[in-house]
Amino acid sequence: MELGYQKIDQYDGQCVSELAAHYREIIRLLGEDPDREGLLKSPERVAKAMLFCTGGYDQDPEAILRSAIFHEDYKQMVVVKDIEIYSLCEHHMLPFFGKAHVAYIPNGTIVGLSKIARVVEAYARRLQVQERLTQQIKDCIQHTLSPIGVAVVIEAQHMCMSMRGVQKQNSVTTTSDFTGAFMNDPKTREEFMHIIGVRLH
């Protein structure tokens, strides 16, 4: 038995084929030869890459949370910070990437910590804008867990600003959204911001 890495593709064959045909034509329209050796398999590779990067459409974030809810009498802040995000800007379909910081205050139920990161991933792996991504994460946790409050902050760099257009390589975009205690109680919000080490201007 051979040990080591085994690649397993789980893509819809027809979808890959149709996407690849379009990418082949894009390559031609860009002025390249899609039959050149280095590009022969690129349409299929790009098709699979795009399906992977938009795999969040096949996931139900609320179901992810509901799969690991536990009853606990804990009513202090729970913070999961520095969750890596990789997404695609829907305006130019170029990547934006950074970190998400998520907190909630339980109201009789807690959720498995990995599920929060999975919710972030499910929404990030779609065509997105950072503002909507922030709000979707907040709304999902608030609606599913009914906590005392939810806080979400995302810091990201956008390649549509770095490698094209204004070409500002070091710019970072920060978005935030809050519910409940995080919105209504400045001390609670300040504690969260202190924990994650972000200062909003």
N, C-alpha and C. Protein backbone atom coordinates (compact mmCIF):
# COMPACT_ATOMS: atom_id res chain seq x y z
N MET A 1 0.84 -1.20 0.00
CA MET A 1 0.00 0.00 0.00
C MET A 1 0.88 1.24 0.00
N GLU A 2 0.60 2.15 -0.93
CA GLU A 2 1.40 3.36 -1.04
C GLU A 2 0.88 4.40 -0.06
N LEU A 3 1.79 4.95 0.75
CA LEU A 3 1.42 5.97 1.72
C LEU A 3 1.73 7.35 1.16
N GLY A 4 1.06 8.34 1.69
CA GLY A 4 1.34 9.70 1.27
C GLY A 4 0.09 10.43 0.81
N TYR A 5 0.30 11.53 0.11
CA TYR A 5 -0.79 12.41 -0.30
C TYR A 5 -1.59 11.79 -1.43
N GLN A 6 -2.91 11.83 -1.28
CA GLN A 6 -3.79 11.36 -2.34
C GLN A 6 -4.79 12.47 -2.66
N LYS A 7 -4.79 12.91 -3.89
CA LYS A 7 -5.69 13.99 -4.30
C LYS A 7 -7.04 13.40 -4.66
N ILE A 8 -8.09 14.00 -4.10
CA ILE A 8 -9.45 13.55 -4.38
C ILE A 8 -10.25 14.74 -4.90
N ASP A 9 -10.67 14.68 -6.16
CA ASP A 9 -11.49 15.74 -6.73
C ASP A 9 -12.96 15.42 -6.51
N GLN A 10 -13.71 16.39 -6.02
CA GLN A 10 -15.13 16.19 -5.80
C GLN A 10 -15.91 17.31 -6.47
N TYR A 11 -15.68 17.48 -7.75
CA TYR A 11 -16.34 18.52 -8.52
C TYR A 11 -17.35 17.91 -9.47
N ASP A 12 -18.39 18.66 -9.76
CA ASP A 12 -19.37 18.24 -10.75
C ASP A 12 -18.72 18.30 -12.13
N GLY A 13 -18.62 17.15 -12.78
CA GLY A 13 -17.90 17.07 -14.05
C GLY A 13 -18.45 17.97 -15.13
N GLN A 14 -19.77 18.04 -15.25
CA GLN A 14 -20.38 18.87 -16.28
C GLN A 14 -20.11 20.34 -16.01
N CYS A 15 -20.20 20.74 -14.76
CA CYS A 15 -19.94 22.14 -14.40
C CYS A 15 -18.50 22.52 -14.71
N VAL A 16 -17.56 21.63 -14.37
CA VAL A 16 -16.15 21.88 -14.67
C VAL A 16 -15.95 22.02 -16.17
N SER A 17 -16.57 21.14 -16.93
CA SER A 17 -16.41 21.16 -18.38
C SER A 17 -16.94 22.46 -18.99
N GLU A 18 -18.11 22.90 -18.53
CA GLU A 18 -18.69 24.13 -19.07
C GLU A 18 -17.87 25.36 -18.68
N LEU A 19 -17.44 25.40 -17.43
CA LEU A 19 -16.60 26.52 -17.00
C LEU A 19 -15.28 26.53 -17.77
N ALA A 20 -14.69 25.37 -17.94
CA ALA A 20 -13.40 25.28 -18.65
C ALA A 20 -13.53 25.80 -20.08
N ALA A 21 -14.65 25.50 -20.73
CA ALA A 21 -14.85 25.99 -22.10
C ALA A 21 -14.86 27.52 -22.13
N HIS A 22 -15.49 28.12 -21.14
CA HIS A 22 -15.52 29.58 -21.07
C HIS A 22 -14.13 30.14 -20.79
N TYR A 23 -13.40 29.52 -19.89
CA TYR A 23 -12.07 30.01 -19.57
C TYR A 23 -11.11 29.84 -20.76
N ARG A 24 -11.31 28.81 -21.54
CA ARG A 24 -10.50 28.64 -22.74
C ARG A 24 -10.72 29.82 -23.69
N GLU A 25 -11.97 30.21 -23.83
CA GLU A 25 -12.28 31.34 -24.70
C GLU A 25 -11.72 32.65 -24.12
N ILE A 26 -11.78 32.80 -22.80
CA ILE A 26 -11.21 33.99 -22.16
C ILE A 26 -9.72 34.07 -22.45
N ILE A 27 -9.03 32.95 -22.33
CA ILE A 27 -7.59 32.92 -22.61
C ILE A 27 -7.33 33.37 -24.04
N ARG A 28 -8.15 32.89 -24.98
CA ARG A 28 -7.97 33.28 -26.39
C ARG A 28 -8.21 34.77 -26.57
N LEU A 29 -9.27 35.30 -25.94
CA LEU A 29 -9.60 36.71 -26.08
C LEU A 29 -8.55 37.62 -25.46
N LEU A 30 -7.82 37.10 -24.49
CA LEU A 30 -6.75 37.88 -23.87
C LEU A 30 -5.51 37.95 -24.75
N GLY A 31 -5.51 37.19 -25.86
CA GLY A 31 -4.39 37.23 -26.79
C GLY A 31 -3.42 36.08 -26.66
N GLU A 32 -3.77 35.08 -25.86
CA GLU A 32 -2.90 33.92 -25.67
C GLU A 32 -3.38 32.75 -26.53
N ASP A 33 -2.54 31.75 -26.63
CA ASP A 33 -2.86 30.54 -27.38
C ASP A 33 -3.28 29.46 -26.39
N PRO A 34 -4.57 29.13 -26.28
CA PRO A 34 -5.01 28.12 -25.32
C PRO A 34 -4.49 26.73 -25.62
N ASP A 35 -3.91 26.54 -26.81
CA ASP A 35 -3.33 25.23 -27.16
C ASP A 35 -1.84 25.16 -26.85
N ARG A 36 -1.30 26.27 -26.31
CA ARG A 36 0.11 26.24 -25.91
C ARG A 36 0.29 25.27 -24.74
N GLU A 37 1.43 24.59 -24.70
CA GLU A 37 1.64 23.53 -23.72
C GLU A 37 1.32 23.97 -22.29
N GLY A 38 1.80 25.13 -21.91
CA GLY A 38 1.60 25.57 -20.54
C GLY A 38 0.17 25.93 -20.20
N LEU A 39 -0.66 26.10 -21.23
CA LEU A 39 -2.04 26.52 -21.01
C LEU A 39 -3.07 25.44 -21.32
N LEU A 40 -2.62 24.30 -21.80
CA LEU A 40 -3.55 23.26 -22.23
C LEU A 40 -4.54 22.87 -21.13
N LYS A 41 -4.05 22.70 -19.91
CA LYS A 41 -4.91 22.26 -18.81
C LYS A 41 -5.37 23.42 -17.92
N SER A 42 -4.97 24.66 -18.28
CA SER A 42 -5.32 25.80 -17.44
C SER A 42 -6.83 26.03 -17.34
N PRO A 43 -7.60 25.91 -18.42
CA PRO A 43 -9.04 26.13 -18.28
C PRO A 43 -9.68 25.22 -17.24
N GLU A 44 -9.29 23.96 -17.22
CA GLU A 44 -9.86 23.03 -16.23
C GLU A 44 -9.36 23.37 -14.83
N ARG A 45 -8.08 23.73 -14.72
CA ARG A 45 -7.54 24.09 -13.41
C ARG A 45 -8.26 25.32 -12.84
N VAL A 46 -8.45 26.33 -13.69
CA VAL A 46 -9.12 27.55 -13.23
C VAL A 46 -10.56 27.25 -12.85
N ALA A 47 -11.23 26.42 -13.64
CA ALA A 47 -12.61 26.05 -13.33
C ALA A 47 -12.71 25.43 -11.94
N LYS A 48 -11.82 24.49 -11.65
CA LYS A 48 -11.84 23.83 -10.34
C LYS A 48 -11.46 24.81 -9.23
N ALA A 49 -10.52 25.71 -9.52
CA ALA A 49 -10.13 26.70 -8.51
C ALA A 49 -11.31 27.61 -8.17
N MET A 50 -12.05 28.03 -9.19
CA MET A 50 -13.19 28.91 -8.94
C MET A 50 -14.30 28.18 -8.19
N LEU A 51 -14.51 26.92 -8.50
CA LEU A 51 -15.51 26.15 -7.76
C LEU A 51 -15.11 26.00 -6.30
N PHE A 52 -13.82 25.83 -6.06
CA PHE A 52 -13.35 25.74 -4.68
C PHE A 52 -13.53 27.08 -3.96
N CYS A 53 -13.16 28.17 -4.64
CA CYS A 53 -13.23 29.50 -4.01
C CYS A 53 -14.65 29.97 -3.78
N THR A 54 -15.61 29.36 -4.46
CA THR A 54 -17.02 29.73 -4.27
C THR A 54 -17.82 28.57 -3.69
N GLY A 55 -17.14 27.68 -3.00
CA GLY A 55 -17.80 26.51 -2.43
C GLY A 55 -18.78 26.83 -1.32
N GLY A 56 -18.79 28.06 -0.84
CA GLY A 56 -19.71 28.44 0.22
C GLY A 56 -21.16 28.41 -0.20
N TYR A 57 -21.41 28.49 -1.51
CA TYR A 57 -22.80 28.44 -1.97
C TYR A 57 -23.44 27.09 -1.67
N ASP A 58 -22.64 26.07 -1.49
CA ASP A 58 -23.16 24.73 -1.22
C ASP A 58 -23.29 24.45 0.28
N GLN A 59 -23.04 25.45 1.12
CA GLN A 59 -23.08 25.25 2.57
C GLN A 59 -24.18 26.09 3.20
N ASP A 60 -24.77 25.57 4.25
CA ASP A 60 -25.82 26.26 5.01
C ASP A 60 -25.22 26.69 6.34
N PRO A 61 -24.84 27.96 6.49
CA PRO A 61 -24.17 28.40 7.72
C PRO A 61 -25.01 28.18 8.98
N GLU A 62 -26.31 28.39 8.90
CA GLU A 62 -27.14 28.18 10.09
C GLU A 62 -27.16 26.71 10.48
N ALA A 63 -27.19 25.81 9.49
CA ALA A 63 -27.14 24.38 9.79
C ALA A 63 -25.81 24.00 10.43
N ILE A 64 -24.73 24.67 10.00
CA ILE A 64 -23.42 24.42 10.60
C ILE A 64 -23.47 24.73 12.08
N LEU A 65 -24.05 25.87 12.45
CA LEU A 65 -24.16 26.23 13.86
C LEU A 65 -25.06 25.27 14.62
N ARG A 66 -26.21 24.93 14.04
CA ARG A 66 -27.17 24.07 14.73
C ARG A 66 -26.63 22.67 15.00
N SER A 67 -25.59 22.29 14.26
CA SER A 67 -25.03 20.94 14.43
C SER A 67 -24.23 20.77 15.71
N ALA A 68 -23.94 21.88 16.40
CA ALA A 68 -23.10 21.78 17.60
C ALA A 68 -23.51 22.81 18.64
N ILE A 69 -24.80 22.84 19.00
CA ILE A 69 -25.31 23.74 20.03
C ILE A 69 -25.45 22.97 21.34
N PHE A 70 -24.98 23.58 22.43
CA PHE A 70 -25.01 22.92 23.73
C PHE A 70 -25.59 23.89 24.77
N HIS A 71 -26.34 23.35 25.71
CA HIS A 71 -26.94 24.16 26.76
C HIS A 71 -25.92 24.35 27.89
N GLU A 72 -25.57 25.61 28.15
CA GLU A 72 -24.63 25.96 29.22
C GLU A 72 -25.06 27.29 29.83
N ASP A 73 -24.95 27.39 31.15
CA ASP A 73 -25.29 28.62 31.85
C ASP A 73 -24.05 29.50 31.93
N TYR A 74 -23.58 29.95 30.77
CA TYR A 74 -22.39 30.80 30.68
C TYR A 74 -22.79 32.08 29.96
N LYS A 75 -22.59 33.22 30.61
CA LYS A 75 -23.04 34.48 30.03
C LYS A 75 -21.93 35.52 29.97
N GLN A 76 -20.71 35.04 29.70
CA GLN A 76 -19.59 35.95 29.49
C GLN A 76 -19.20 35.89 28.01
N MET A 77 -18.38 36.82 27.63
CA MET A 77 -18.00 36.94 26.23
C MET A 77 -17.20 35.74 25.73
N VAL A 78 -17.55 35.24 24.56
CA VAL A 78 -16.78 34.20 23.88
C VAL A 78 -16.21 34.84 22.60
N VAL A 79 -14.89 34.83 22.47
CA VAL A 79 -14.25 35.49 21.33
C VAL A 79 -13.42 34.48 20.55
N VAL A 80 -13.63 34.43 19.25
CA VAL A 80 -12.77 33.67 18.34
C VAL A 80 -12.16 34.70 17.40
N LYS A 81 -10.86 34.93 17.54
CA LYS A 81 -10.24 35.99 16.74
C LYS A 81 -9.21 35.42 15.77
N ASP A 82 -8.80 36.27 14.85
CA ASP A 82 -7.76 35.92 13.85
C ASP A 82 -8.18 34.73 12.99
N ILE A 83 -9.45 34.68 12.62
CA ILE A 83 -9.92 33.64 11.69
C ILE A 83 -9.53 34.07 10.28
N GLU A 84 -8.71 33.31 9.62
CA GLU A 84 -8.26 33.68 8.28
C GLU A 84 -9.44 33.64 7.30
N ILE A 85 -9.51 34.66 6.46
CA ILE A 85 -10.54 34.66 5.42
C ILE A 85 -9.88 34.86 4.06
N TYR A 86 -10.42 34.18 3.07
CA TYR A 86 -10.04 34.35 1.68
C TYR A 86 -11.34 34.40 0.89
N SER A 87 -11.55 35.50 0.19
CA SER A 87 -12.79 35.65 -0.54
C SER A 87 -12.51 36.29 -1.89
N LEU A 88 -13.56 36.42 -2.71
CA LEU A 88 -13.45 37.05 -4.02
C LEU A 88 -14.36 38.26 -4.07
N CYS A 89 -13.78 39.42 -4.38
CA CYS A 89 -14.57 40.63 -4.57
C CYS A 89 -15.49 40.44 -5.75
N GLU A 90 -16.79 40.69 -5.56
CA GLU A 90 -17.74 40.44 -6.64
C GLU A 90 -17.65 41.48 -7.76
N HIS A 91 -16.96 42.59 -7.52
CA HIS A 91 -16.87 43.63 -8.55
C HIS A 91 -15.82 43.30 -9.61
N HIS A 92 -14.70 42.74 -9.18
CA HIS A 92 -13.62 42.42 -10.13
C HIS A 92 -13.23 40.94 -10.09
N MET A 93 -13.82 40.20 -9.18
CA MET A 93 -13.50 38.78 -8.99
C MET A 93 -12.02 38.57 -8.73
N LEU A 94 -11.45 39.51 -7.98
CA LEU A 94 -10.08 39.39 -7.48
C LEU A 94 -10.15 39.10 -5.98
N PRO A 95 -9.11 38.47 -5.44
CA PRO A 95 -9.17 38.08 -4.02
C PRO A 95 -9.12 39.26 -3.06
N PHE A 96 -9.77 39.08 -1.92
CA PHE A 96 -9.45 39.88 -0.75
C PHE A 96 -9.28 38.91 0.42
N PHE A 97 -8.39 39.25 1.32
CA PHE A 97 -8.00 38.29 2.36
C PHE A 97 -7.61 39.04 3.62
N GLY A 98 -7.75 38.37 4.74
CA GLY A 98 -7.40 38.98 6.01
C GLY A 98 -7.87 38.14 7.17
N LYS A 99 -8.41 38.82 8.20
CA LYS A 99 -8.82 38.11 9.41
C LYS A 99 -10.18 38.59 9.88
N ALA A 100 -10.94 37.65 10.42
CA ALA A 100 -12.22 37.97 11.04
C ALA A 100 -12.12 37.72 12.53
N HIS A 101 -12.74 38.60 13.31
CA HIS A 101 -12.81 38.46 14.76
C HIS A 101 -14.29 38.41 15.14
N VAL A 102 -14.69 37.36 15.83
CA VAL A 102 -16.11 37.15 16.12
C VAL A 102 -16.29 36.90 17.61
N ALA A 103 -17.31 37.55 18.19
CA ALA A 103 -17.62 37.33 19.60
C ALA A 103 -19.12 37.23 19.77
N TYR A 104 -19.53 36.49 20.79
CA TYR A 104 -20.94 36.48 21.17
C TYR A 104 -21.03 36.26 22.67
N ILE A 105 -22.14 36.68 23.25
CA ILE A 105 -22.41 36.47 24.67
C ILE A 105 -23.56 35.50 24.77
N PRO A 106 -23.32 34.28 25.23
CA PRO A 106 -24.36 33.25 25.24
C PRO A 106 -25.56 33.63 26.10
N ASN A 107 -26.68 33.08 25.71
CA ASN A 107 -27.92 33.28 26.45
C ASN A 107 -28.58 31.93 26.70
N GLY A 108 -27.82 31.03 27.35
CA GLY A 108 -28.33 29.69 27.65
C GLY A 108 -27.79 28.61 26.76
N THR A 109 -27.21 28.99 25.60
CA THR A 109 -26.62 28.00 24.71
C THR A 109 -25.28 28.51 24.20
N ILE A 110 -24.35 27.57 24.01
CA ILE A 110 -23.07 27.86 23.38
C ILE A 110 -22.96 27.02 22.12
N VAL A 111 -21.95 27.31 21.31
CA VAL A 111 -21.76 26.56 20.07
C VAL A 111 -20.31 26.12 19.99
N GLY A 112 -20.07 24.98 19.36
CA GLY A 112 -18.70 24.51 19.17
C GLY A 112 -17.86 25.58 18.48
N LEU A 113 -16.68 25.86 19.00
CA LEU A 113 -15.88 26.98 18.52
C LEU A 113 -15.51 26.85 17.04
N SER A 114 -15.26 25.63 16.59
CA SER A 114 -14.90 25.47 15.19
C SER A 114 -16.03 25.85 14.26
N LYS A 115 -17.28 25.79 14.75
CA LYS A 115 -18.42 26.12 13.91
C LYS A 115 -18.45 27.60 13.57
N ILE A 116 -17.95 28.44 14.46
CA ILE A 116 -17.88 29.87 14.15
C ILE A 116 -16.93 30.10 12.98
N ALA A 117 -15.78 29.45 13.03
CA ALA A 117 -14.83 29.57 11.91
C ALA A 117 -15.43 29.01 10.63
N ARG A 118 -16.21 27.95 10.74
CA ARG A 118 -16.84 27.36 9.54
C ARG A 118 -17.90 28.27 8.95
N VAL A 119 -18.61 28.99 9.81
CA VAL A 119 -19.59 29.96 9.32
C VAL A 119 -18.89 31.08 8.55
N VAL A 120 -17.79 31.58 9.11
CA VAL A 120 -17.01 32.60 8.42
C VAL A 120 -16.57 32.09 7.06
N GLU A 121 -16.09 30.86 7.01
CA GLU A 121 -15.62 30.27 5.76
C GLU A 121 -16.75 30.11 4.76
N ALA A 122 -17.92 29.67 5.23
CA ALA A 122 -19.05 29.43 4.32
C ALA A 122 -19.47 30.71 3.62
N TYR A 123 -19.47 31.83 4.34
CA TYR A 123 -19.84 33.09 3.72
C TYR A 123 -18.70 33.69 2.90
N ALA A 124 -17.46 33.47 3.33
CA ALA A 124 -16.32 34.03 2.62
C ALA A 124 -16.12 33.37 1.26
N ARG A 125 -16.44 32.08 1.17
CA ARG A 125 -16.23 31.35 -0.08
C ARG A 125 -17.39 31.58 -1.04
N ARG A 126 -17.65 32.84 -1.30
CA ARG A 126 -18.68 33.27 -2.24
C ARG A 126 -18.19 34.55 -2.90
N LEU A 127 -18.86 34.99 -3.95
CA LEU A 127 -18.58 36.32 -4.48
C LEU A 127 -19.12 37.32 -3.46
N GLN A 128 -18.27 38.21 -2.98
CA GLN A 128 -18.61 38.98 -1.80
C GLN A 128 -18.19 40.44 -1.90
N VAL A 129 -18.73 41.22 -0.99
CA VAL A 129 -18.14 42.50 -0.58
C VAL A 129 -17.92 42.38 0.92
N GLN A 130 -16.91 43.04 1.42
CA GLN A 130 -16.54 42.87 2.82
C GLN A 130 -17.66 43.31 3.76
N GLU A 131 -18.38 44.36 3.36
CA GLU A 131 -19.45 44.87 4.20
C GLU A 131 -20.55 43.81 4.40
N ARG A 132 -20.96 43.18 3.30
CA ARG A 132 -22.00 42.15 3.40
C ARG A 132 -21.51 40.93 4.17
N LEU A 133 -20.27 40.55 3.93
CA LEU A 133 -19.70 39.40 4.63
C LEU A 133 -19.76 39.60 6.14
N THR A 134 -19.40 40.80 6.59
CA THR A 134 -19.45 41.13 8.02
C THR A 134 -20.86 40.98 8.57
N GLN A 135 -21.81 41.52 7.83
CA GLN A 135 -23.21 41.49 8.28
C GLN A 135 -23.79 40.09 8.26
N GLN A 136 -23.45 39.31 7.25
CA GLN A 136 -23.99 37.95 7.15
C GLN A 136 -23.53 37.07 8.32
N ILE A 137 -22.27 37.20 8.68
CA ILE A 137 -21.76 36.42 9.81
C ILE A 137 -22.50 36.79 11.09
N LYS A 138 -22.64 38.11 11.31
CA LYS A 138 -23.35 38.59 12.50
C LYS A 138 -24.79 38.10 12.52
N ASP A 139 -25.50 38.27 11.41
CA ASP A 139 -26.92 37.89 11.35
C ASP A 139 -27.12 36.39 11.57
N CYS A 140 -26.23 35.58 11.01
CA CYS A 140 -26.35 34.13 11.16
C CYS A 140 -26.23 33.72 12.61
N ILE A 141 -25.24 34.25 13.31
CA ILE A 141 -25.04 33.89 14.71
C ILE A 141 -26.18 34.41 15.57
N GLN A 142 -26.60 35.65 15.32
CA GLN A 142 -27.70 36.22 16.10
C GLN A 142 -28.99 35.44 15.89
N HIS A 143 -29.30 35.11 14.66
CA HIS A 143 -30.56 34.43 14.35
C HIS A 143 -30.57 33.01 14.87
N THR A 144 -29.43 32.32 14.80
CA THR A 144 -29.39 30.90 15.15
C THR A 144 -29.25 30.67 16.64
N LEU A 145 -28.44 31.47 17.32
CA LEU A 145 -28.16 31.25 18.74
C LEU A 145 -28.98 32.14 19.67
N SER A 146 -29.54 33.24 19.14
CA SER A 146 -30.24 34.23 19.97
C SER A 146 -29.42 34.63 21.19
N PRO A 147 -28.19 35.03 21.01
CA PRO A 147 -27.33 35.40 22.15
C PRO A 147 -27.67 36.79 22.67
N ILE A 148 -27.01 37.18 23.75
CA ILE A 148 -27.19 38.51 24.32
C ILE A 148 -26.60 39.58 23.39
N GLY A 149 -25.63 39.19 22.61
CA GLY A 149 -25.04 40.11 21.65
C GLY A 149 -24.03 39.41 20.76
N VAL A 150 -23.79 39.99 19.59
CA VAL A 150 -22.80 39.46 18.63
C VAL A 150 -21.95 40.62 18.16
N ALA A 151 -20.66 40.37 17.97
CA ALA A 151 -19.74 41.36 17.41
C ALA A 151 -18.89 40.71 16.34
N VAL A 152 -18.74 41.40 15.22
CA VAL A 152 -17.91 40.90 14.13
C VAL A 152 -17.07 42.06 13.60
N VAL A 153 -15.77 41.83 13.51
CA VAL A 153 -14.85 42.79 12.89
C VAL A 153 -14.02 42.04 11.86
N ILE A 154 -13.90 42.61 10.67
CA ILE A 154 -13.07 42.01 9.62
C ILE A 154 -12.05 43.04 9.15
N GLU A 155 -10.80 42.61 9.07
CA GLU A 155 -9.71 43.41 8.51
C GLU A 155 -9.21 42.69 7.26
N ALA A 156 -9.16 43.38 6.12
CA ALA A 156 -8.78 42.68 4.90
C ALA A 156 -8.05 43.61 3.93
N GLN A 157 -7.21 42.98 3.12
CA GLN A 157 -6.56 43.64 2.00
C GLN A 157 -7.23 43.18 0.72
N HIS A 158 -7.47 44.13 -0.17
CA HIS A 158 -8.19 43.84 -1.41
C HIS A 158 -7.26 43.97 -2.61
N MET A 159 -7.13 42.89 -3.36
CA MET A 159 -6.25 42.91 -4.52
C MET A 159 -6.76 43.86 -5.60
N CYS A 160 -8.06 44.13 -5.61
CA CYS A 160 -8.59 45.09 -6.60
C CYS A 160 -8.10 46.50 -6.30
N MET A 161 -7.62 46.74 -5.08
CA MET A 161 -7.01 48.03 -4.74
C MET A 161 -5.49 47.98 -4.85
N SER A 162 -4.92 46.79 -4.74
CA SER A 162 -3.47 46.65 -4.68
C SER A 162 -2.82 46.48 -6.04
N MET A 163 -3.42 45.65 -6.90
CA MET A 163 -2.77 45.29 -8.15
C MET A 163 -3.40 45.94 -9.38
N ARG A 164 -4.47 46.71 -9.18
CA ARG A 164 -5.09 47.42 -10.28
C ARG A 164 -5.65 48.74 -9.73
N GLY A 165 -6.23 49.55 -10.60
CA GLY A 165 -6.89 50.75 -10.14
C GLY A 165 -5.97 51.68 -9.38
N VAL A 166 -6.32 51.96 -8.12
CA VAL A 166 -5.57 52.92 -7.31
C VAL A 166 -4.20 52.39 -6.90
N GLN A 167 -3.99 51.09 -6.90
CA GLN A 167 -2.69 50.44 -6.63
C GLN A 167 -2.06 50.89 -5.32
N LYS A 168 -2.83 50.77 -4.25
CA LYS A 168 -2.33 51.07 -2.90
C LYS A 168 -2.11 49.76 -2.15
N GLN A 169 -0.85 49.29 -2.17
CA GLN A 169 -0.54 47.95 -1.71
C GLN A 169 -0.71 47.74 -0.21
N ASN A 170 -0.60 48.77 0.58
CA ASN A 170 -0.60 48.59 2.03
C ASN A 170 -1.92 48.98 2.70
N SER A 171 -2.93 49.27 1.91
CA SER A 171 -4.21 49.68 2.50
C SER A 171 -4.95 48.48 3.09
N VAL A 172 -5.58 48.70 4.23
CA VAL A 172 -6.36 47.67 4.92
C VAL A 172 -7.76 48.22 5.17
N THR A 173 -8.76 47.44 4.85
CA THR A 173 -10.15 47.84 5.07
C THR A 173 -10.67 47.12 6.31
N THR A 174 -11.28 47.89 7.22
CA THR A 174 -11.86 47.33 8.44
C THR A 174 -13.35 47.58 8.45
N THR A 175 -14.13 46.52 8.68
CA THR A 175 -15.58 46.64 8.80
C THR A 175 -16.00 46.01 10.12
N SER A 176 -17.12 46.50 10.66
CA SER A 176 -17.61 45.97 11.93
C SER A 176 -19.12 45.99 11.95
N ASP A 177 -19.68 45.10 12.76
CA ASP A 177 -21.13 45.08 12.95
C ASP A 177 -21.42 44.48 14.32
N PHE A 178 -22.43 45.01 15.01
CA PHE A 178 -22.71 44.61 16.39
C PHE A 178 -24.21 44.47 16.61
N THR A 179 -24.56 43.61 17.57
CA THR A 179 -25.94 43.52 18.03
C THR A 179 -25.94 43.51 19.56
N GLY A 180 -27.11 43.75 20.14
CA GLY A 180 -27.32 43.57 21.57
C GLY A 180 -26.35 44.34 22.43
N ALA A 181 -25.74 43.62 23.39
CA ALA A 181 -24.85 44.25 24.37
C ALA A 181 -23.66 44.94 23.71
N PHE A 182 -23.19 44.40 22.60
CA PHE A 182 -22.03 45.01 21.94
C PHE A 182 -22.41 46.36 21.31
N MET A 183 -23.66 46.50 20.92
CA MET A 183 -24.11 47.76 20.34
C MET A 183 -24.53 48.76 21.42
N ASN A 184 -25.19 48.26 22.47
CA ASN A 184 -25.81 49.15 23.45
C ASN A 184 -24.93 49.48 24.65
N ASP A 185 -23.91 48.67 24.91
CA ASP A 185 -23.06 48.87 26.07
C ASP A 185 -21.63 49.20 25.62
N PRO A 186 -21.22 50.45 25.70
CA PRO A 186 -19.87 50.83 25.24
C PRO A 186 -18.76 50.05 25.92
N LYS A 187 -18.93 49.72 27.21
CA LYS A 187 -17.87 48.99 27.92
C LYS A 187 -17.70 47.58 27.36
N THR A 188 -18.82 46.94 27.02
CA THR A 188 -18.75 45.60 26.43
C THR A 188 -18.05 45.66 25.09
N ARG A 189 -18.42 46.64 24.29
CA ARG A 189 -17.79 46.79 22.98
C ARG A 189 -16.31 47.11 23.12
N GLU A 190 -15.95 47.98 24.06
CA GLU A 190 -14.55 48.32 24.28
C GLU A 190 -13.74 47.11 24.74
N GLU A 191 -14.34 46.26 25.57
CA GLU A 191 -13.65 45.04 26.01
C GLU A 191 -13.35 44.15 24.82
N PHE A 192 -14.33 43.99 23.95
CA PHE A 192 -14.12 43.18 22.74
C PHE A 192 -13.01 43.75 21.88
N MET A 193 -13.05 45.07 21.64
CA MET A 193 -12.03 45.68 20.80
C MET A 193 -10.65 45.57 21.43
N HIS A 194 -10.59 45.64 22.75
CA HIS A 194 -9.30 45.48 23.44
C HIS A 194 -8.78 44.05 23.26
N ILE A 195 -9.66 43.07 23.37
CA ILE A 195 -9.24 41.67 23.25
C ILE A 195 -8.67 41.39 21.86
N ILE A 196 -9.33 41.91 20.83
CA ILE A 196 -8.86 41.60 19.48
C ILE A 196 -7.76 42.55 19.03
N GLY A 197 -7.52 43.63 19.81
CA GLY A 197 -6.41 44.52 19.50
C GLY A 197 -6.63 45.39 18.31
N VAL A 198 -7.90 45.81 18.05
CA VAL A 198 -8.21 46.65 16.90
C VAL A 198 -8.79 47.95 17.41
N ARG A 199 -8.37 49.06 16.84
CA ARG A 199 -8.94 50.35 17.17
C ARG A 199 -9.66 50.89 15.95
N LEU A 200 -10.97 51.07 16.07
CA LEU A 200 -11.75 51.61 14.96
C LEU A 200 -11.70 53.14 15.02
N HIS A 201 -11.44 53.77 13.86
CA HIS A 201 -11.36 55.23 13.81
C HIS A 201 -12.67 55.81 13.30
